[in-house]
Amino acid sequence: MNTIIESFKKIKSNISSLNPAKSVNIIAVSKTFPMEHIYPLVDYGHLHFGENKVQEAISKWTDIKLKRNNLNLHMIGKLQRNKAKDAVKIFDYIHSLDNQKLAATLAKYQNIIKKKIKYFIQVNLGNEIHKSGIPVNELDPFYNYCINELNLNVIGLMVIPPNDKNPTRYFKTLQELNNSLALKNLSMGMSADYTEAVENGSTFVRVGSSIFGLRS
């Protein structure tokens, strides 16, 4: 069997053993990998894939999404406003909603093409200057703005914990914030820490190298 499929099945099994009662979606992070590397997982029937650059996503996924309209493409990287129009066309989920201007621009373009994107608000729990995300003290008003003024379909929160810290406490905090907003989904956990994320309620994990191998 293809090693990519074997790796995927192993991760799926690990997740099932951690939280068998809860549905957890594995986003296969396919950024930088060519489509011939990704096709085995598409043909296997997997539906969730992640990219972090709009132009790469368009060039790789436009044709195949026309043929397989049940595929879900996730924007997991920083999104600039000038890429919002194209992002709305190709992506089904956006995990990096992090400021009012971006939210308003996305709302404008999704209304034009009549497409309902599913959004995660990225929260900067570590208060890291170099990292995107809404500060915790701005989360409530930003969420209310997105929901009440823009009518965006915010389904949960997202976090990328600091690299040098134990991720568990950040996952626990995000779960508490998510619960306070009565949201049902959490985007947290990557190849190195998806097990801890699932144990703390994650419903979407973003796994790349553990499925596709190391990037060159």
C-alpha atoms as a PDB file:
ATOM      1  CA  MET A   1       0.000   0.000   0.000  1.00  0.00           C
ATOM      2  CA  ASN A   2       1.132   3.551  -0.679  1.00  0.00           C
ATOM      3  CA  THR A   3       3.170   4.898   2.260  1.00  0.00           C
ATOM      4  CA  ILE A   4       1.067   8.078   2.335  1.00  0.00           C
ATOM      5  CA  ILE A   5      -2.086   6.014   2.846  1.00  0.00           C
ATOM      6  CA  GLU A   6      -0.358   3.939   5.514  1.00  0.00           C
ATOM      7  CA  SER A   7       0.713   7.096   7.354  1.00  0.00           C
ATOM      8  CA  PHE A   8      -2.776   8.561   7.096  1.00  0.00           C
ATOM      9  CA  LYS A   9      -4.410   5.390   8.419  1.00  0.00           C
ATOM     10  CA  LYS A  10      -1.980   5.327  11.352  1.00  0.00           C
ATOM     11  CA  ILE A  11      -2.879   8.913  12.325  1.00  0.00           C
ATOM     12  CA  LYS A  12      -6.573   8.154  11.959  1.00  0.00           C
ATOM     13  CA  SER A  13      -6.165   5.117  14.206  1.00  0.00           C
ATOM     14  CA  ASN A  14      -4.247   7.136  16.802  1.00  0.00           C
ATOM     15  CA  ILE A  15      -7.016   9.742  16.890  1.00  0.00           C
ATOM     16  CA  SER A  16      -9.757   7.117  17.178  1.00  0.00           C
ATOM     17  CA  SER A  17      -8.014   5.530  20.146  1.00  0.00           C
ATOM     18  CA  LEU A  18      -7.756   8.901  21.919  1.00  0.00           C
ATOM     19  CA  ASN A  19     -11.324  10.075  21.435  1.00  0.00           C
ATOM     20  CA  PRO A  20     -13.474   7.350  19.859  1.00  0.00           C
ATOM     21  CA  ALA A  21     -16.755   9.100  20.619  1.00  0.00           C
ATOM     22  CA  LYS A  22     -15.902  12.373  18.872  1.00  0.00           C
ATOM     23  CA  SER A  23     -15.545  13.052  15.171  1.00  0.00           C
ATOM     24  CA  VAL A  24     -12.150  14.580  14.367  1.00  0.00           C
ATOM     25  CA  ASN A  25     -11.383  15.831  10.864  1.00  0.00           C
ATOM     26  CA  ILE A  26      -7.841  15.354   9.618  1.00  0.00           C
ATOM     27  CA  ILE A  27      -6.725  18.191   7.345  1.00  0.00           C
ATOM     28  CA  ALA A  28      -3.959  16.759   5.191  1.00  0.00           C
ATOM     29  CA  VAL A  29      -1.664  19.751   4.810  1.00  0.00           C
ATOM     30  CA  SER A  30      -0.537  19.483   1.215  1.00  0.00           C
ATOM     31  CA  LYS A  31       1.270  22.828   0.882  1.00  0.00           C
ATOM     32  CA  THR A  32       4.417  22.683  -1.293  1.00  0.00           C
ATOM     33  CA  PHE A  33       3.686  19.099  -2.393  1.00  0.00           C
ATOM     34  CA  PRO A  34       2.839  18.510  -6.072  1.00  0.00           C
ATOM     35  CA  MET A  35      -0.531  16.996  -6.945  1.00  0.00           C
ATOM     36  CA  GLU A  36       0.992  13.664  -7.984  1.00  0.00           C
ATOM     37  CA  HIS A  37       2.118  13.330  -4.364  1.00  0.00           C
ATOM     38  CA  ILE A  38      -1.392  14.144  -3.117  1.00  0.00           C
ATOM     39  CA  TYR A  39      -3.530  12.133  -5.569  1.00  0.00           C
ATOM     40  CA  PRO A  40      -3.212   8.816  -3.696  1.00  0.00           C
ATOM     41  CA  LEU A  41      -4.973  10.331  -0.688  1.00  0.00           C
ATOM     42  CA  VAL A  42      -7.624  11.954  -2.876  1.00  0.00           C
ATOM     43  CA  ASP A  43      -8.243   8.637  -4.629  1.00  0.00           C
ATOM     44  CA  TYR A  44      -8.409   6.901  -1.259  1.00  0.00           C
ATOM     45  CA  GLY A  45     -11.422   9.086  -0.513  1.00  0.00           C
ATOM     46  CA  HIS A  46     -10.031  11.668   1.890  1.00  0.00           C
ATOM     47  CA  LEU A  47     -11.880  14.983   1.677  1.00  0.00           C
ATOM     48  CA  HIS A  48      -9.988  17.621   3.735  1.00  0.00           C
ATOM     49  CA  PHE A  49      -6.778  19.244   2.463  1.00  0.00           C
ATOM     50  CA  GLY A  50      -4.881  22.322   3.625  1.00  0.00           C
ATOM     51  CA  GLU A  51      -2.878  24.969   1.777  1.00  0.00           C
ATOM     52  CA  ASN A  52      -1.261  28.170   3.034  1.00  0.00           C
ATOM     53  CA  LYS A  53      -0.873  30.169  -0.184  1.00  0.00           C
ATOM     54  CA  VAL A  54      -3.783  31.261  -2.339  1.00  0.00           C
ATOM     55  CA  GLN A  55      -2.037  31.109  -5.712  1.00  0.00           C
ATOM     56  CA  GLU A  56      -0.617  27.649  -5.036  1.00  0.00           C
ATOM     57  CA  ALA A  57      -4.072  26.436  -4.026  1.00  0.00           C
ATOM     58  CA  ILE A  58      -5.636  27.807  -7.206  1.00  0.00           C
ATOM     59  CA  SER A  59      -3.036  26.258  -9.499  1.00  0.00           C
ATOM     60  CA  LYS A  60      -3.186  22.860  -7.791  1.00  0.00           C
ATOM     61  CA  TRP A  61      -6.831  22.413  -6.878  1.00  0.00           C
ATOM     62  CA  THR A  62      -9.065  24.322  -9.330  1.00  0.00           C
ATOM     63  CA  ASP A  63      -9.444  21.523 -11.872  1.00  0.00           C
ATOM     64  CA  ILE A  64      -9.768  18.650  -9.430  1.00  0.00           C
ATOM     65  CA  LYS A  65     -12.368  20.481  -7.347  1.00  0.00           C
ATOM     66  CA  LEU A  66     -14.524  20.887 -10.441  1.00  0.00           C
ATOM     67  CA  LYS A  67     -14.435  17.116 -10.881  1.00  0.00           C
ATOM     68  CA  ARG A  68     -14.812  16.279  -7.180  1.00  0.00           C
ATOM     69  CA  ASN A  69     -17.081  18.861  -5.633  1.00  0.00           C
ATOM     70  CA  ASN A  70     -17.125  17.116  -2.245  1.00  0.00           C
ATOM     71  CA  LEU A  71     -13.466  18.007  -1.590  1.00  0.00           C
ATOM     72  CA  ASN A  72     -12.914  20.597   1.140  1.00  0.00           C
ATOM     73  CA  LEU A  73      -9.957  22.957   0.863  1.00  0.00           C
ATOM     74  CA  HIS A  74      -8.738  24.719   3.997  1.00  0.00           C
ATOM     75  CA  MET A  75      -6.758  27.981   4.095  1.00  0.00           C
ATOM     76  CA  ILE A  76      -4.439  27.506   7.055  1.00  0.00           C
ATOM     77  CA  GLY A  77      -1.917  30.288   6.462  1.00  0.00           C
ATOM     78  CA  LYS A  78      -1.870  34.035   6.953  1.00  0.00           C
ATOM     79  CA  LEU A  79      -4.337  35.608   4.525  1.00  0.00           C
ATOM     80  CA  GLN A  80      -3.737  39.066   3.096  1.00  0.00           C
ATOM     81  CA  ARG A  81      -6.729  41.212   2.151  1.00  0.00           C
ATOM     82  CA  ASN A  82      -5.578  41.552  -1.459  1.00  0.00           C
ATOM     83  CA  LYS A  83      -5.880  37.759  -1.790  1.00  0.00           C
ATOM     84  CA  ALA A  84      -9.356  37.570  -0.238  1.00  0.00           C
ATOM     85  CA  LYS A  85     -11.286  37.579  -3.524  1.00  0.00           C
ATOM     86  CA  ASP A  86      -9.362  34.596  -4.877  1.00  0.00           C
ATOM     87  CA  ALA A  87      -9.368  32.852  -1.503  1.00  0.00           C
ATOM     88  CA  VAL A  88     -13.159  32.899  -1.341  1.00  0.00           C
ATOM     89  CA  LYS A  89     -13.351  31.256  -4.760  1.00  0.00           C
ATOM     90  CA  ILE A  90     -11.084  28.283  -4.002  1.00  0.00           C
ATOM     91  CA  PHE A  91     -11.344  27.655  -0.239  1.00  0.00           C
ATOM     92  CA  ASP A  92     -14.217  26.141   1.728  1.00  0.00           C
ATOM     93  CA  TYR A  93     -12.739  26.816   5.183  1.00  0.00           C
ATOM     94  CA  ILE A  94     -10.521  29.686   6.347  1.00  0.00           C
ATOM     95  CA  HIS A  95      -8.650  29.090   9.610  1.00  0.00           C
ATOM     96  CA  SER A  96      -6.852  32.434   9.854  1.00  0.00           C
ATOM     97  CA  LEU A  97      -9.538  35.076  10.331  1.00  0.00           C
ATOM     98  CA  ASP A  98      -7.700  37.617  12.465  1.00  0.00           C
ATOM     99  CA  ASN A  99      -8.798  41.236  11.901  1.00  0.00           C
ATOM    100  CA  GLN A 100     -11.847  43.350  11.060  1.00  0.00           C
ATOM    101  CA  LYS A 101     -10.660  44.608   7.678  1.00  0.00           C
ATOM    102  CA  LEU A 102      -9.970  41.081   6.462  1.00  0.00           C
ATOM    103  CA  ALA A 103     -13.337  39.902   7.801  1.00  0.00           C
ATOM    104  CA  ALA A 104     -15.201  42.698   6.011  1.00  0.00           C
ATOM    105  CA  THR A 105     -13.384  42.015   2.737  1.00  0.00           C
ATOM    106  CA  LEU A 106     -14.120  38.289   2.908  1.00  0.00           C
ATOM    107  CA  ALA A 107     -17.780  39.005   3.687  1.00  0.00           C
ATOM    108  CA  LYS A 108     -17.989  41.271   0.645  1.00  0.00           C
ATOM    109  CA  TYR A 109     -16.596  38.719  -1.787  1.00  0.00           C
ATOM    110  CA  GLN A 110     -18.447  35.689  -0.447  1.00  0.00           C
ATOM    111  CA  ASN A 111     -21.707  37.633  -0.752  1.00  0.00           C
ATOM    112  CA  ILE A 112     -20.901  38.533  -4.360  1.00  0.00           C
ATOM    113  CA  ILE A 113     -20.413  34.898  -5.398  1.00  0.00           C
ATOM    114  CA  LYS A 114     -23.018  33.599  -2.933  1.00  0.00           C
ATOM    115  CA  LYS A 115     -20.701  31.155  -1.193  1.00  0.00           C
ATOM    116  CA  LYS A 116     -20.835  30.466   2.534  1.00  0.00           C
ATOM    117  CA  ILE A 117     -17.298  29.938   3.822  1.00  0.00           C
ATOM    118  CA  LYS A 118     -16.712  28.290   7.203  1.00  0.00           C
ATOM    119  CA  TYR A 119     -14.381  30.348   9.387  1.00  0.00           C
ATOM    120  CA  PHE A 120     -12.115  29.835  12.372  1.00  0.00           C
ATOM    121  CA  ILE A 121     -10.926  32.892  14.289  1.00  0.00           C
ATOM    122  CA  GLN A 122      -7.195  32.637  14.934  1.00  0.00           C
ATOM    123  CA  VAL A 123      -6.330  33.581  18.518  1.00  0.00           C
ATOM    124  CA  ASN A 124      -2.826  34.672  19.538  1.00  0.00           C
ATOM    125  CA  LEU A 125      -2.741  33.069  22.981  1.00  0.00           C
ATOM    126  CA  GLY A 126       1.011  33.433  23.350  1.00  0.00           C
ATOM    127  CA  ASN A 127       0.926  37.179  22.624  1.00  0.00           C
ATOM    128  CA  GLU A 128       3.680  36.577  20.082  1.00  0.00           C
ATOM    129  CA  ILE A 129       4.556  39.698  18.101  1.00  0.00           C
ATOM    130  CA  HIS A 130       5.548  37.755  14.988  1.00  0.00           C
ATOM    131  CA  LYS A 131       2.411  35.608  14.964  1.00  0.00           C
ATOM    132  CA  SER A 132      -1.041  36.445  13.615  1.00  0.00           C
ATOM    133  CA  GLY A 133      -4.197  36.193  15.636  1.00  0.00           C
ATOM    134  CA  ILE A 134      -6.679  38.167  17.705  1.00  0.00           C
ATOM    135  CA  PRO A 135      -5.536  38.974  21.265  1.00  0.00           C
ATOM    136  CA  VAL A 136      -7.722  37.294  23.872  1.00  0.00           C
ATOM    137  CA  ASN A 137      -9.037  40.609  25.206  1.00  0.00           C
ATOM    138  CA  GLU A 138     -10.342  41.498  21.715  1.00  0.00           C
ATOM    139  CA  LEU A 139     -11.901  38.128  20.935  1.00  0.00           C
ATOM    140  CA  ASP A 140     -15.466  38.768  22.151  1.00  0.00           C
ATOM    141  CA  PRO A 141     -16.016  42.047  20.268  1.00  0.00           C
ATOM    142  CA  PHE A 142     -14.364  40.647  17.141  1.00  0.00           C
ATOM    143  CA  TYR A 143     -16.535  37.523  17.235  1.00  0.00           C
ATOM    144  CA  ASN A 144     -19.671  39.640  17.699  1.00  0.00           C
ATOM    145  CA  TYR A 145     -18.634  41.870  14.779  1.00  0.00           C
ATOM    146  CA  CYS A 146     -18.138  38.864  12.500  1.00  0.00           C
ATOM    147  CA  ILE A 147     -21.424  37.234  13.498  1.00  0.00           C
ATOM    148  CA  ASN A 148     -23.780  40.163  13.965  1.00  0.00           C
ATOM    149  CA  GLU A 149     -22.523  42.755  11.485  1.00  0.00           C
ATOM    150  CA  LEU A 150     -21.016  40.600   8.741  1.00  0.00           C
ATOM    151  CA  ASN A 151     -23.059  37.429   9.127  1.00  0.00           C
ATOM    152  CA  LEU A 152     -19.950  35.265   8.765  1.00  0.00           C
ATOM    153  CA  ASN A 153     -20.253  31.570   9.544  1.00  0.00           C
ATOM    154  CA  VAL A 154     -17.705  31.337  12.371  1.00  0.00           C
ATOM    155  CA  ILE A 155     -17.614  27.699  13.460  1.00  0.00           C
ATOM    156  CA  GLY A 156     -14.738  27.790  15.952  1.00  0.00           C
ATOM    157  CA  LEU A 157     -11.375  29.082  17.096  1.00  0.00           C
ATOM    158  CA  MET A 158      -7.840  28.263  15.952  1.00  0.00           C
ATOM    159  CA  VAL A 159      -4.472  28.463  17.681  1.00  0.00           C
ATOM    160  CA  ILE A 160      -0.830  27.784  16.899  1.00  0.00           C
ATOM    161  CA  PRO A 161       0.942  27.441  20.277  1.00  0.00           C
ATOM    162  CA  PRO A 162       4.436  28.894  20.751  1.00  0.00           C
ATOM    163  CA  ASN A 163       7.095  26.490  19.479  1.00  0.00           C
ATOM    164  CA  ASP A 164       9.060  26.441  22.715  1.00  0.00           C
ATOM    165  CA  LYS A 165       6.150  25.883  25.112  1.00  0.00           C
ATOM    166  CA  ASN A 166       4.069  22.898  26.173  1.00  0.00           C
ATOM    167  CA  PRO A 167       1.041  23.124  23.856  1.00  0.00           C
ATOM    168  CA  THR A 168      -1.427  21.516  26.249  1.00  0.00           C
ATOM    169  CA  ARG A 169      -2.194  24.588  28.313  1.00  0.00           C
ATOM    170  CA  TYR A 170      -2.831  26.611  25.153  1.00  0.00           C
ATOM    171  CA  PHE A 171      -5.190  23.931  23.887  1.00  0.00           C
ATOM    172  CA  LYS A 172      -7.039  23.923  27.207  1.00  0.00           C
ATOM    173  CA  THR A 173      -7.354  27.711  27.164  1.00  0.00           C
ATOM    174  CA  LEU A 174      -8.657  27.747  23.603  1.00  0.00           C
ATOM    175  CA  GLN A 175     -11.207  25.072  24.470  1.00  0.00           C
ATOM    176  CA  GLU A 176     -12.442  27.237  27.360  1.00  0.00           C
ATOM    177  CA  LEU A 177     -12.704  30.292  25.089  1.00  0.00           C
ATOM    178  CA  ASN A 178     -14.505  28.228  22.469  1.00  0.00           C
ATOM    179  CA  ASN A 179     -17.000  27.006  25.057  1.00  0.00           C
ATOM    180  CA  SER A 180     -17.586  30.557  26.292  1.00  0.00           C
ATOM    181  CA  LEU A 181     -18.724  31.476  22.756  1.00  0.00           C
ATOM    182  CA  ALA A 182     -20.795  28.270  22.446  1.00  0.00           C
ATOM    183  CA  LEU A 183     -18.801  27.211  19.384  1.00  0.00           C
ATOM    184  CA  LYS A 184     -18.604  23.535  18.496  1.00  0.00           C
ATOM    185  CA  ASN A 185     -15.369  23.248  16.499  1.00  0.00           C
ATOM    186  CA  LEU A 186     -11.714  23.746  17.324  1.00  0.00           C
ATOM    187  CA  SER A 187      -8.817  23.934  14.872  1.00  0.00           C
ATOM    188  CA  MET A 188      -5.713  22.964  16.790  1.00  0.00           C
ATOM    189  CA  GLY A 189      -2.953  20.406  16.602  1.00  0.00           C
ATOM    190  CA  MET A 190      -0.319  19.653  13.970  1.00  0.00           C
ATOM    191  CA  SER A 191       2.015  16.725  13.308  1.00  0.00           C
ATOM    192  CA  ALA A 192       3.977  17.197  16.526  1.00  0.00           C
ATOM    193  CA  ASP A 193       1.062  17.774  18.894  1.00  0.00           C
ATOM    194  CA  TYR A 194      -2.191  16.551  17.347  1.00  0.00           C
ATOM    195  CA  THR A 195      -2.656  13.901  20.046  1.00  0.00           C
ATOM    196  CA  GLU A 196      -2.637  16.529  22.818  1.00  0.00           C
ATOM    197  CA  ALA A 197      -4.991  18.669  20.744  1.00  0.00           C
ATOM    198  CA  VAL A 198      -7.502  15.843  20.307  1.00  0.00           C
ATOM    199  CA  GLU A 199      -7.378  15.106  24.021  1.00  0.00           C
ATOM    200  CA  ASN A 200      -8.387  18.729  24.580  1.00  0.00           C
ATOM    201  CA  GLY A 201     -11.328  18.782  22.212  1.00  0.00           C
ATOM    202  CA  SER A 202      -9.903  19.564  18.778  1.00  0.00           C
ATOM    203  CA  THR A 203     -12.255  18.698  15.907  1.00  0.00           C
ATOM    204  CA  PHE A 204      -9.878  19.705  13.091  1.00  0.00           C
ATOM    205  CA  VAL A 205      -6.182  18.780  13.181  1.00  0.00           C
ATOM    206  CA  ARG A 206      -3.752  20.122  10.583  1.00  0.00           C
ATOM    207  CA  VAL A 207      -1.296  17.339   9.760  1.00  0.00           C
ATOM    208  CA  GLY A 208       1.227  17.535   6.945  1.00  0.00           C
ATOM    209  CA  SER A 209       4.673  15.989   7.371  1.00  0.00           C
ATOM    210  CA  SER A 210       3.349  12.974   9.298  1.00  0.00           C
ATOM    211  CA  ILE A 211       1.263  12.085   6.244  1.00  0.00           C
ATOM    212  CA  PHE A 212       3.248  13.295   3.230  1.00  0.00           C
ATOM    213  CA  GLY A 213       6.780  13.189   4.636  1.00  0.00           C
ATOM    214  CA  LEU A 214       9.293  15.970   5.167  1.00  0.00           C
ATOM    215  CA  ARG A 215       9.227  18.938   2.833  1.00  0.00           C
ATOM    216  CA  SER A 216      12.338  19.585   0.785  1.00  0.00           C
END
